[in-house]
Amino acid sequence: MQVPEIEKQIGINLYSTDTDGLGGQLRQEVEDFIVREITNRKEGQEGKYLILELVKRDWDTHHLTRTLAKILQISQKRISVAGTKDKRALTTQKISIFDIDTLEIEKIHLKDIELKVLGRSRKSVELGDLWGNDFRITVRNITHSREETDKLLEKTTNEILAQGGVPNFFGIQRFGSVRPVTHLVGKAIVEGDFEKAALLYIAEPFPDEPEETKEARQFVKETRDFKEGLKTYPLRLGHERAMMNHLIANPDDFAGAFLVLPKNLYRMFVHGYQSYIYNTILCRRIEKGLPLDEAVEGDIVCFKNELGLPDSSKTEKVTAETVNAMNRLIKRNRAFITAPLPGYNTEFASGIPGEIEQAVLDEFKVPLQGFNIEKIPEMSSKGIRREVILQVEPKFEVEDDELNPGKSKAVLEFMLPKGSYATTVLREYMKVDPLQMS
């Protein structure tokens, strides 16, 4: 089955299951996408950090932390979360606020926000606290009958379970759902061309954008007249506008233009390029007929940490002598096959897996030393390995769709480790354009 063109642009050109797609759509209602964070934190009553449970509905995480900081009249840096959650969703997670009194929380009255004080801690909530997320997701507007929907779900689920999960692709969110440009910007940065990178981010129009936005971008792309461009750029394009303002004041300082962006955003560009390369290598591995849950000579595996999750900081190359023992560990979920997110000091596989990795690097002409970015060291990346399979055991139920008479709905529940995407699982069931899943 052909994948949508937009997925090919981010390095994904296949499905791992052979079933027909359910079709349907996600997020018709906010409550159709429910996410609950899984964490091992235990809160006490002492410490400088106030720990809260945050339940948010249809709020962007960064927008919310900015809003909370404004209400509390504190720096946004004093608020921390373990992970950024989907906007159009009902999500539950922990947050910490440094040096704030419980009574201050009573000032917060925001629509679709609930905050519950859990305790205090000497340690802020950070990424390392996040184990994963529980998902309960409703796919609506399915044209198949309930019986057909149930059969499709069962067949796809059985295929996923038989192969030990789904390919651990980076989803469209990593690249930009409407405008998948992140990896292209990252590629230009790694190649040392900050001018090209800045203009790609500011001015490259994409087909699914509103017409007036495309026209504004096209004008700046052709003229490089940032001052005139600001008059037509929508206010919602705040990041692009900030970069253009910098370039008006500092002509040709294209590297500096990226530094006006939030750090978590400008670091995403290089990560996006790495993710594109990784997705491509993973597809080539599958096309070559190499399994994702059985190592071959030359593979690099990582091992589970104390939480039972893959730890890419502990790796070992598989040899002819160790391949059988390694596969026993893989079957017991104690080891995991990996592929590279390349950087300036990446460990690459050998044998057939290594040939696949090198062929992609050669085809894309990837300058590995370019990941050591002297102009903006925070963008640099040594590279890392990532497990190639996303272990998941979905459960499902089928009902009549009360919002769309005559249609079916499917409710899927599953848990995923941190750093993985629910849409990577859902795409195997739905087989639709990613925009129908955003």
Protein backbone atom coordinates (compact mmCIF):
# COMPACT_ATOMS: atom_id res chain seq x y z
CA MET A 1 0.00 0.00 0.00
CA GLN A 2 1.32 3.43 -0.97
CA VAL A 3 2.08 5.84 1.86
CA PRO A 4 1.03 9.51 1.55
CA GLU A 5 3.48 11.82 -0.23
CA ILE A 6 4.03 13.93 2.89
CA GLU A 7 5.39 10.86 4.75
CA LYS A 8 7.83 10.16 1.91
CA GLN A 9 9.16 13.70 2.47
CA ILE A 10 10.14 12.75 6.04
CA GLY A 11 11.82 9.45 5.10
CA ILE A 12 8.90 7.02 5.59
CA ASN A 13 7.87 5.09 2.49
CA LEU A 14 6.19 1.94 3.83
CA TYR A 15 3.82 0.36 6.32
CA SER A 16 4.88 -2.68 8.31
CA THR A 17 1.38 -4.22 8.18
CA ASP A 18 -0.39 -5.54 5.07
CA THR A 19 -3.98 -4.84 6.12
CA ASP A 20 -6.31 -2.32 4.50
CA GLY A 21 -6.59 0.96 6.38
CA LEU A 22 -9.47 1.86 8.65
CA GLY A 23 -9.54 5.42 7.34
CA GLY A 24 -11.37 7.69 9.75
CA GLN A 25 -10.16 10.76 11.56
CA LEU A 26 -8.61 11.69 14.88
CA ARG A 27 -9.43 14.47 17.31
CA GLN A 28 -12.94 15.26 16.10
CA GLU A 29 -13.37 16.09 19.78
CA VAL A 30 -10.55 17.03 22.13
CA GLU A 31 -11.52 14.12 24.42
CA ASP A 32 -10.89 11.70 21.56
CA PHE A 33 -7.15 11.92 22.38
CA ILE A 34 -6.43 11.22 26.06
CA VAL A 35 -2.83 11.07 27.33
CA ARG A 36 -1.69 10.29 30.88
CA GLU A 37 1.98 10.61 31.77
CA ILE A 38 3.72 7.66 33.46
CA THR A 39 6.37 8.72 35.97
CA ASN A 40 8.21 7.14 38.89
CA ARG A 41 8.31 10.32 40.98
CA LYS A 42 7.17 10.19 44.59
CA GLU A 43 6.50 13.61 46.10
CA GLY A 44 7.09 14.63 49.71
CA GLN A 45 6.34 17.80 51.71
CA GLU A 46 9.77 19.45 51.71
CA GLY A 47 11.81 21.27 49.10
CA LYS A 48 11.87 24.45 47.01
CA TYR A 49 9.84 22.94 44.16
CA LEU A 50 6.05 22.86 44.33
CA ILE A 51 4.83 19.78 42.44
CA LEU A 52 1.42 19.83 40.77
CA GLU A 53 -0.72 17.59 38.64
CA LEU A 54 -1.75 19.44 35.51
CA VAL A 55 -4.80 18.41 33.51
CA LYS A 56 -5.10 20.47 30.34
CA ARG A 57 -7.60 20.42 27.51
CA ASP A 58 -6.69 21.90 24.09
CA TRP A 59 -3.67 23.85 25.39
CA ASP A 60 -0.19 24.00 23.88
CA THR A 61 2.36 23.21 26.63
CA HIS A 62 4.68 26.15 25.86
CA HIS A 63 1.78 28.58 25.62
CA LEU A 64 0.50 27.35 28.96
CA THR A 65 3.83 27.72 30.79
CA ARG A 66 4.17 31.26 29.40
CA THR A 67 0.64 32.06 30.60
CA LEU A 68 1.27 30.60 34.07
CA ALA A 69 4.51 32.57 34.41
CA LYS A 70 2.67 35.76 33.51
CA ILE A 71 -0.12 35.16 36.04
CA LEU A 72 2.37 34.27 38.80
CA GLN A 73 4.73 37.12 37.75
CA ILE A 74 7.73 34.80 37.62
CA SER A 75 10.27 33.73 34.99
CA GLN A 76 9.07 30.96 32.72
CA LYS A 77 12.35 29.16 33.52
CA ARG A 78 11.00 28.41 37.01
CA ILE A 79 8.31 26.14 35.53
CA SER A 80 9.35 22.71 34.24
CA VAL A 81 7.66 19.65 32.77
CA ALA A 82 8.89 16.14 31.92
CA GLY A 83 7.46 16.18 28.41
CA THR A 84 5.56 18.31 25.92
CA LYS A 85 2.06 16.94 25.44
CA ASP A 86 -0.26 17.16 22.42
CA LYS A 87 -2.26 20.38 22.14
CA ARG A 88 -5.57 19.06 20.83
CA ALA A 89 -5.93 16.46 23.56
CA LEU A 90 -6.92 15.90 27.17
CA THR A 91 -3.61 15.37 28.94
CA THR A 92 -2.48 14.71 32.51
CA GLN A 93 1.09 15.30 33.68
CA LYS A 94 3.24 16.61 36.53
CA ILE A 95 4.81 20.06 36.56
CA SER A 96 7.07 21.81 39.06
CA ILE A 97 7.32 25.48 39.95
CA PHE A 98 10.41 26.74 41.77
CA ASP A 99 10.06 28.77 44.98
CA ILE A 100 6.31 29.39 44.93
CA ASP A 101 3.76 29.20 47.72
CA THR A 102 0.74 26.91 47.47
CA LEU A 103 -1.55 29.90 47.97
CA GLU A 104 -0.21 31.49 44.77
CA ILE A 105 -1.78 28.65 42.77
CA GLU A 106 -5.22 29.91 43.84
CA LYS A 107 -4.63 32.94 41.57
CA ILE A 108 -4.80 30.69 38.54
CA HIS A 109 -8.23 30.50 36.91
CA LEU A 110 -7.82 29.33 33.32
CA LYS A 111 -10.40 27.70 31.09
CA ASP A 112 -9.78 23.99 30.54
CA ILE A 113 -6.95 23.87 33.08
CA GLU A 114 -6.93 21.97 36.38
CA LEU A 115 -4.02 22.20 38.82
CA LYS A 116 -3.80 19.98 41.90
CA VAL A 117 -0.99 20.36 44.45
CA LEU A 118 0.74 17.00 45.02
CA GLY A 119 3.51 18.08 47.38
CA ARG A 120 7.00 19.52 47.38
CA SER A 121 10.41 18.29 46.25
CA ARG A 122 14.08 19.24 46.26
CA LYS A 123 14.16 18.28 42.57
CA SER A 124 12.29 19.82 39.65
CA VAL A 125 10.24 17.74 37.23
CA GLU A 126 12.56 16.89 34.33
CA LEU A 127 12.67 14.74 31.19
CA GLY A 128 14.40 11.92 33.06
CA ASP A 129 11.31 11.51 35.26
CA LEU A 130 9.19 10.49 32.29
CA TRP A 131 8.85 6.76 31.62
CA GLY A 132 6.19 6.97 28.97
CA ASN A 133 2.55 7.75 28.33
CA ASP A 134 -0.74 5.89 28.44
CA PHE A 135 -3.02 6.64 25.49
CA ARG A 136 -6.74 6.22 24.97
CA ILE A 137 -7.53 7.32 21.43
CA THR A 138 -10.81 7.36 19.53
CA VAL A 139 -10.79 7.06 15.74
CA ARG A 140 -14.12 8.37 14.39
CA ASN A 141 -15.95 8.59 11.09
CA ILE A 142 -14.98 5.09 9.92
CA THR A 143 -17.05 4.10 6.87
CA HIS A 144 -16.73 0.34 7.47
CA SER A 145 -19.44 -1.49 9.40
CA ARG A 146 -18.79 -2.38 13.03
CA GLU A 147 -18.08 -5.98 12.02
CA GLU A 148 -15.65 -4.98 9.25
CA THR A 149 -13.94 -2.47 11.54
CA ASP A 150 -13.53 -5.11 14.22
CA LYS A 151 -11.99 -7.58 11.74
CA LEU A 152 -9.55 -4.98 10.40
CA LEU A 153 -8.50 -3.96 13.91
CA GLU A 154 -7.97 -7.58 14.93
CA LYS A 155 -5.93 -8.42 11.83
CA THR A 156 -3.69 -5.34 12.14
CA THR A 157 -3.24 -5.91 15.89
CA ASN A 158 -2.23 -9.53 15.29
CA GLU A 159 0.34 -8.44 12.70
CA ILE A 160 1.76 -5.85 15.12
CA LEU A 161 1.98 -8.40 17.93
CA ALA A 162 3.58 -11.00 15.63
CA GLN A 163 6.37 -8.61 14.60
CA GLY A 164 6.91 -7.42 18.18
CA GLY A 165 5.62 -3.88 17.62
CA VAL A 166 5.86 -1.28 14.86
CA PRO A 167 8.86 0.46 13.27
CA ASN A 168 9.96 3.19 15.66
CA PHE A 169 9.64 6.01 13.12
CA PHE A 170 9.76 9.68 14.02
CA GLY A 171 6.27 10.97 13.23
CA ILE A 172 5.25 14.02 11.26
CA GLN A 173 5.14 16.15 14.45
CA ARG A 174 8.95 15.99 14.51
CA PHE A 175 9.08 17.78 11.17
CA GLY A 176 5.98 20.02 11.14
CA SER A 177 2.55 18.64 10.28
CA VAL A 178 1.41 21.27 7.76
CA ARG A 179 4.89 22.43 6.83
CA PRO A 180 7.49 19.65 7.15
CA VAL A 181 10.53 21.89 6.87
CA THR A 182 12.43 21.19 10.11
CA HIS A 183 14.78 18.57 8.63
CA LEU A 184 15.50 20.70 5.55
CA VAL A 185 16.55 23.59 7.79
CA GLY A 186 18.68 21.17 9.82
CA LYS A 187 20.35 19.82 6.68
CA ALA A 188 21.36 23.35 5.61
CA ILE A 189 22.72 24.07 9.11
CA VAL A 190 24.81 20.86 9.14
CA GLU A 191 26.13 21.80 5.70
CA GLY A 192 27.19 25.17 7.18
CA ASP A 193 24.76 27.28 5.15
CA PHE A 194 22.89 29.38 7.74
CA GLU A 195 21.58 31.75 5.07
CA LYS A 196 19.84 28.92 3.24
CA ALA A 197 18.61 27.51 6.56
CA ALA A 198 17.09 30.80 7.70
CA LEU A 199 15.37 31.44 4.38
CA LEU A 200 13.95 27.91 4.32
CA TYR A 201 12.41 28.42 7.74
CA ILE A 202 11.17 31.95 7.13
CA ALA A 203 10.14 31.85 3.50
CA GLU A 204 9.63 28.36 2.03
CA PRO A 205 5.89 28.02 1.24
CA PHE A 206 4.13 24.64 1.57
CA PRO A 207 0.97 23.49 -0.25
CA ASP A 208 -1.24 22.99 2.82
CA GLU A 209 -0.67 26.48 4.25
CA PRO A 210 -3.32 29.22 3.88
CA GLU A 211 -3.05 31.06 0.56
CA GLU A 212 -2.13 34.43 2.10
CA THR A 213 0.66 32.77 4.10
CA LYS A 214 2.07 31.11 1.00
CA GLU A 215 2.01 34.45 -0.85
CA ALA A 216 3.77 36.24 2.03
CA ARG A 217 6.48 33.59 2.17
CA GLN A 218 6.92 33.57 -1.61
CA PHE A 219 7.40 37.35 -1.63
CA VAL A 220 10.19 37.17 0.96
CA LYS A 221 11.74 34.15 -0.76
CA GLU A 222 11.99 36.07 -4.04
CA THR A 223 12.89 39.54 -2.72
CA ARG A 224 14.55 38.96 0.68
CA ASP A 225 12.83 42.19 1.68
CA PHE A 226 12.22 41.38 5.34
CA LYS A 227 10.98 44.85 6.21
CA GLU A 228 8.24 44.72 3.57
CA GLY A 229 7.59 41.08 4.37
CA LEU A 230 6.72 41.87 7.98
CA LYS A 231 3.74 43.88 6.74
CA THR A 232 2.11 40.77 5.27
CA TYR A 233 3.30 37.96 7.57
CA PRO A 234 0.44 36.80 9.86
CA LEU A 235 1.04 37.65 13.53
CA ARG A 236 0.72 33.95 14.40
CA LEU A 237 4.05 33.36 12.60
CA GLY A 238 5.84 34.85 15.59
CA HIS A 239 9.07 32.90 15.17
CA GLU A 240 9.53 33.87 11.52
CA ARG A 241 8.73 37.49 12.36
CA ALA A 242 11.29 37.49 15.19
CA MET A 243 13.98 36.20 12.83
CA MET A 244 13.12 38.82 10.19
CA ASN A 245 13.28 41.60 12.79
CA HIS A 246 16.75 40.39 13.76
CA LEU A 247 17.87 40.35 10.11
CA ILE A 248 16.53 43.89 9.54
CA ALA A 249 18.64 45.10 12.47
CA ASN A 250 21.58 42.78 11.72
CA PRO A 251 21.79 42.19 7.96
CA ASP A 252 23.42 38.88 6.98
CA ASP A 253 23.62 37.60 10.58
CA PHE A 254 21.72 34.46 9.62
CA ALA A 255 23.18 32.32 12.42
CA GLY A 256 22.22 34.98 14.96
CA ALA A 257 18.66 34.98 13.62
CA PHE A 258 18.22 31.44 14.98
CA LEU A 259 19.28 32.55 18.45
CA VAL A 260 16.18 34.74 18.80
CA LEU A 261 14.13 31.52 18.81
CA PRO A 262 13.51 29.47 21.97
CA LYS A 263 16.38 27.06 22.56
CA ASN A 264 14.12 24.01 22.43
CA LEU A 265 12.97 25.11 18.95
CA TYR A 266 16.30 25.91 17.33
CA ARG A 267 17.78 22.63 18.58
CA MET A 268 14.93 20.78 16.82
CA PHE A 269 16.30 21.60 13.37
CA VAL A 270 19.39 19.40 13.61
CA HIS A 271 17.35 16.75 15.45
CA GLY A 272 14.88 16.85 12.56
CA TYR A 273 17.62 16.17 10.01
CA GLN A 274 18.93 13.27 12.10
CA SER A 275 15.37 11.90 12.35
CA TYR A 276 14.93 12.05 8.57
CA ILE A 277 18.14 10.06 8.05
CA TYR A 278 17.10 7.57 10.75
CA ASN A 279 13.64 7.07 9.20
CA THR A 280 15.25 6.43 5.81
CA ILE A 281 17.73 3.90 7.21
CA LEU A 282 14.92 2.09 9.04
CA CYS A 283 12.85 1.83 5.83
CA ARG A 284 15.87 0.50 3.90
CA ARG A 285 16.43 -2.13 6.59
CA ILE A 286 12.83 -3.33 6.25
CA GLU A 287 13.03 -3.26 2.44
CA LYS A 288 16.21 -5.35 2.62
CA GLY A 289 14.26 -7.99 4.55
CA LEU A 290 16.17 -7.60 7.81
CA PRO A 291 13.97 -8.17 10.87
CA LEU A 292 13.49 -5.53 13.55
CA ASP A 293 13.28 -8.02 16.41
CA GLU A 294 16.19 -10.29 15.48
CA ALA A 295 19.81 -9.14 15.22
CA VAL A 296 22.18 -10.06 12.42
CA GLU A 297 25.96 -9.90 12.44
CA GLY A 298 27.12 -6.27 12.44
CA ASP A 299 24.05 -4.88 14.21
CA ILE A 300 24.48 -2.62 17.23
CA VAL A 301 22.16 -3.37 20.11
CA CYS A 302 21.42 -1.41 23.25
CA PHE A 303 20.33 -2.83 26.59
CA LYS A 304 17.46 -2.15 28.94
CA ASN A 305 17.91 0.15 31.93
CA GLU A 306 16.60 -0.35 35.46
CA LEU A 307 13.12 0.68 34.27
CA GLY A 308 13.13 -1.99 31.57
CA LEU A 309 13.36 0.62 28.78
CA PRO A 310 16.00 0.77 26.01
CA ASP A 311 19.12 2.69 27.09
CA SER A 312 21.02 3.88 24.03
CA SER A 313 24.04 4.86 26.16
CA LYS A 314 24.85 1.14 26.61
CA THR A 315 25.55 -0.50 23.25
CA GLU A 316 27.38 -3.51 21.86
CA LYS A 317 28.17 -4.67 18.33
CA VAL A 318 26.83 -8.11 17.40
CA THR A 319 29.46 -10.55 16.13
CA ALA A 320 29.20 -14.03 14.60
CA GLU A 321 30.15 -15.41 18.02
CA THR A 322 27.57 -13.40 20.00
CA VAL A 323 24.59 -13.29 17.60
CA ASN A 324 22.74 -16.27 19.12
CA ALA A 325 23.21 -15.08 22.70
CA MET A 326 22.18 -11.54 21.71
CA ASN A 327 19.00 -12.78 20.08
CA ARG A 328 18.09 -14.64 23.26
CA LEU A 329 18.38 -11.31 25.10
CA ILE A 330 16.28 -9.60 22.43
CA LYS A 331 13.54 -12.24 22.78
CA ARG A 332 13.51 -11.56 26.56
CA ASN A 333 13.32 -7.77 25.97
CA ARG A 334 16.72 -7.25 27.53
CA ALA A 335 18.37 -6.00 24.33
CA PHE A 336 17.16 -3.94 21.35
CA ILE A 337 18.42 -3.47 17.79
CA THR A 338 19.30 0.15 16.98
CA ALA A 339 19.81 2.49 14.02
CA PRO A 340 21.75 5.78 14.05
CA LEU A 341 20.71 9.36 14.57
CA PRO A 342 24.05 10.41 13.04
CA GLY A 343 26.33 13.04 14.49
CA TYR A 344 30.01 13.95 14.58
CA ASN A 345 30.93 10.98 16.82
CA THR A 346 28.41 8.26 15.94
CA GLU A 347 29.01 4.54 16.23
CA PHE A 348 27.93 2.82 13.00
CA ALA A 349 27.01 -0.80 12.40
CA SER A 350 29.03 -3.18 10.20
CA GLY A 351 27.98 -6.06 7.97
CA ILE A 352 24.72 -5.66 6.03
CA PRO A 353 23.22 -3.15 8.55
CA GLY A 354 26.39 -1.06 8.23
CA GLU A 355 26.18 -1.16 4.43
CA ILE A 356 22.61 0.18 4.62
CA GLU A 357 23.64 2.99 6.97
CA GLN A 358 26.65 3.99 4.85
CA ALA A 359 24.64 3.90 1.63
CA VAL A 360 22.12 6.40 3.02
CA LEU A 361 24.90 8.69 4.33
CA ASP A 362 26.60 8.57 0.93
CA GLU A 363 23.35 9.14 -0.98
CA PHE A 364 22.49 12.19 1.14
CA LYS A 365 26.14 13.37 1.18
CA VAL A 366 25.95 13.80 4.96
CA PRO A 367 28.99 15.69 6.32
CA LEU A 368 29.29 14.07 9.76
CA GLN A 369 31.69 16.71 11.08
CA GLY A 370 29.07 19.29 10.14
CA PHE A 371 27.09 18.19 13.20
CA ASN A 372 29.78 19.95 15.26
CA ILE A 373 28.30 23.43 14.80
CA GLU A 374 30.84 26.03 15.91
CA LYS A 375 28.61 29.08 15.35
CA ILE A 376 25.90 27.70 17.65
CA PRO A 377 27.44 24.93 19.80
CA GLU A 378 24.06 24.17 21.44
CA MET A 379 22.89 22.84 18.06
CA SER A 380 25.77 20.35 17.87
CA SER A 381 25.16 16.63 18.19
CA LYS A 382 27.53 13.72 18.72
CA GLY A 383 24.82 11.41 17.47
CA ILE A 384 23.10 8.55 19.22
CA ARG A 385 21.56 5.17 18.45
CA ARG A 386 17.79 4.58 18.73
CA GLU A 387 15.90 1.29 19.00
CA VAL A 388 14.30 0.33 15.68
CA ILE A 389 11.13 -1.24 17.04
CA LEU A 390 8.42 0.39 19.12
CA GLN A 391 7.08 -2.34 21.36
CA VAL A 392 3.35 -1.92 21.79
CA GLU A 393 0.40 -4.16 22.69
CA PRO A 394 -2.74 -2.29 21.60
CA LYS A 395 -6.19 -3.12 22.92
CA PHE A 396 -9.31 -2.00 21.08
CA GLU A 397 -13.08 -1.87 21.07
CA VAL A 398 -15.55 -0.90 18.32
CA GLU A 399 -18.77 1.06 18.75
CA ASP A 400 -21.27 3.04 16.71
CA ASP A 401 -20.07 6.61 16.22
CA GLU A 402 -22.58 8.82 18.00
CA LEU A 403 -21.13 11.97 16.35
CA ASN A 404 -21.34 10.56 12.82
CA PRO A 405 -24.54 8.56 12.31
CA GLY A 406 -24.11 5.42 10.23
CA LYS A 407 -20.33 5.34 10.89
CA SER A 408 -18.19 3.31 13.30
CA LYS A 409 -15.61 4.41 15.85
CA ALA A 410 -12.63 2.52 17.25
CA VAL A 411 -11.18 3.15 20.70
CA LEU A 412 -7.54 2.07 21.05
CA GLU A 413 -5.54 1.89 24.28
CA PHE A 414 -1.79 1.39 24.56
CA MET A 415 1.31 2.50 26.46
CA LEU A 416 4.41 3.92 24.78
CA PRO A 417 7.86 4.75 26.18
CA LYS A 418 8.99 8.38 26.13
CA GLY A 419 10.28 9.80 22.87
CA SER A 420 7.87 7.79 20.72
CA TYR A 421 4.75 8.82 18.86
CA ALA A 422 1.18 7.53 19.14
CA THR A 423 0.65 8.37 15.48
CA THR A 424 3.43 5.88 14.60
CA VAL A 425 1.11 3.16 15.92
CA LEU A 426 -2.11 4.69 14.57
CA ARG A 427 -0.77 5.07 11.02
CA GLU A 428 -0.58 1.26 10.75
CA TYR A 429 -4.31 1.05 11.55
CA MET A 430 -5.63 4.09 9.70
CA LYS A 431 -3.31 4.37 6.66
CA VAL A 432 -4.37 7.95 5.93
CA ASP A 433 -2.71 11.31 5.27
CA PRO A 434 -0.98 12.45 8.49
CA LEU A 435 -3.05 15.65 8.43
CA GLN A 436 -6.08 13.48 9.28
CA MET A 437 -4.20 12.42 12.41
CA SER A 438 -3.02 15.87 13.52
